[in-house]
């Protein structure tokens, strides 16, 4: 890949010409920058839902691994109900989004 001197690169960028990649440091020359598109609202909701499912799964595993007092069990139930409620809210938001597909409730 051809590189231009930094000043020349800036000149071409200012004129909206397609400048060659101009590394500023050796690190930038060695590792290209990967630009990822912003996730869509649907992708964000699905990611959040998967995270909540994992939290619920881990909470169950924690509950099964240790004996609990009555107060701890109640606190666990409240916490779990809160996570499930949030998961249901995300499912509802996902179902209301326009676009392809319907949310799979798994």
Protein backbone atom coordinates (compact mmCIF):
# COMPACT_ATOMS: atom_id res chain seq x y z
CA UNK A 1 0.00 0.00 0.00
CA UNK A 2 1.42 3.38 -0.92
CA UNK A 3 1.81 5.93 1.81
CA UNK A 4 1.94 9.69 1.46
CA UNK A 5 3.75 12.06 3.75
CA UNK A 6 1.44 13.27 6.50
CA UNK A 7 1.17 16.85 5.15
CA UNK A 8 0.32 15.64 1.64
CA UNK A 9 -2.23 13.21 3.04
CA UNK A 10 -3.98 16.03 4.90
CA UNK A 11 -4.00 18.17 1.76
CA UNK A 12 -5.69 15.41 -0.25
CA UNK A 13 -8.18 14.79 2.56
CA UNK A 14 -9.04 18.50 2.68
CA UNK A 15 -9.76 18.45 -1.07
CA UNK A 16 -12.01 15.38 -0.56
CA UNK A 17 -9.70 13.30 -2.71
CA UNK A 18 -9.20 9.73 -1.71
CA UNK A 19 -5.94 9.87 0.22
CA UNK A 20 -3.82 6.81 0.79
CA UNK A 21 -3.71 5.56 4.33
CA UNK A 22 -1.15 7.66 6.20
CA UNK A 23 0.12 6.06 9.38
CA UNK A 24 1.07 8.43 12.15
CA UNK A 25 2.99 5.87 14.20
CA UNK A 26 4.59 2.52 13.59
CA UNK A 27 1.77 0.90 15.60
CA UNK A 28 -0.86 2.36 13.27
CA UNK A 29 1.14 1.16 10.27
CA UNK A 30 1.27 -2.38 11.68
CA UNK A 31 -2.36 -2.77 12.71
CA UNK A 32 -5.17 -1.55 10.45
CA UNK A 33 -8.12 0.10 12.13
CA UNK A 34 -11.32 -1.92 11.84
CA UNK A 35 -14.43 0.21 11.73
CA UNK A 36 -17.57 -1.67 12.72
CA UNK A 37 -21.04 -0.41 11.84
CA UNK A 38 -23.25 0.72 14.69
CA UNK A 39 -25.54 -2.08 15.84
CA UNK A 40 -29.19 -1.70 14.95
CA UNK A 41 -31.86 -1.37 17.63
CA UNK A 42 -32.85 -4.99 16.95
CA UNK A 43 -29.24 -6.16 17.42
CA UNK A 44 -28.94 -4.21 20.68
CA UNK A 45 -32.15 -5.73 22.04
CA UNK A 46 -31.11 -9.27 21.06
CA UNK A 47 -27.68 -8.75 22.66
CA UNK A 48 -29.29 -7.42 25.86
CA UNK A 49 -31.74 -10.32 25.93
CA UNK A 50 -28.93 -12.86 25.56
CA UNK A 51 -27.08 -11.16 28.42
CA UNK A 52 -30.14 -11.34 30.66
CA UNK A 53 -30.66 -15.01 29.83
CA UNK A 54 -27.06 -15.69 30.84
CA UNK A 55 -27.50 -13.76 34.10
CA UNK A 56 -30.63 -15.77 34.91
CA UNK A 57 -28.87 -19.04 34.09
CA UNK A 58 -25.89 -18.12 36.30
CA UNK A 59 -28.17 -17.04 39.14
CA UNK A 60 -29.85 -20.45 39.08
CA UNK A 61 -26.49 -22.21 39.14
CA UNK A 62 -25.39 -20.08 42.11
CA UNK A 63 -28.63 -20.84 43.95
CA UNK A 64 -28.25 -24.58 43.41
CA UNK A 65 -24.61 -24.62 44.54
CA UNK A 66 -25.16 -23.24 48.06
CA UNK A 67 -27.73 -23.69 50.82
CA UNK A 68 -29.72 -20.49 51.46
CA UNK A 69 -31.58 -19.03 54.38
CA UNK A 70 -35.22 -18.04 53.97
CA UNK A 71 -34.22 -14.37 53.59
CA UNK A 72 -31.61 -15.21 50.96
CA UNK A 73 -34.15 -17.27 49.02
CA UNK A 74 -36.62 -14.36 49.09
CA UNK A 75 -33.94 -11.92 47.92
CA UNK A 76 -33.02 -14.38 45.17
CA UNK A 77 -36.65 -14.68 44.05
CA UNK A 78 -37.02 -10.90 43.96
CA UNK A 79 -33.83 -10.53 41.95
CA UNK A 80 -34.85 -13.29 39.55
CA UNK A 81 -38.34 -11.81 39.10
CA UNK A 82 -36.73 -8.46 38.28
CA UNK A 83 -34.46 -10.06 35.64
CA UNK A 84 -37.37 -12.00 34.11
CA UNK A 85 -39.52 -8.86 34.04
CA UNK A 86 -36.76 -6.97 32.22
CA UNK A 87 -36.37 -9.87 29.78
CA UNK A 88 -40.11 -9.77 29.06
CA UNK A 89 -39.92 -6.00 28.50
CA UNK A 90 -37.12 -6.49 25.98
CA UNK A 91 -39.13 -9.21 24.20
CA UNK A 92 -42.07 -6.79 23.93
CA UNK A 93 -39.83 -4.03 22.54
CA UNK A 94 -38.32 -6.44 20.04
CA UNK A 95 -41.74 -7.62 18.88
CA UNK A 96 -42.82 -3.99 18.33
CA UNK A 97 -39.86 -3.09 16.11
CA UNK A 98 -40.57 -2.85 12.40
CA UNK A 99 -38.51 -5.07 10.18
CA UNK A 100 -37.84 -8.67 9.34
CA UNK A 101 -38.58 -11.53 11.63
CA UNK A 102 -40.47 -11.99 14.83
CA UNK A 103 -38.67 -12.43 18.13
CA UNK A 104 -38.14 -16.04 19.07
CA UNK A 105 -39.04 -16.47 22.73
CA UNK A 106 -36.51 -19.07 23.86
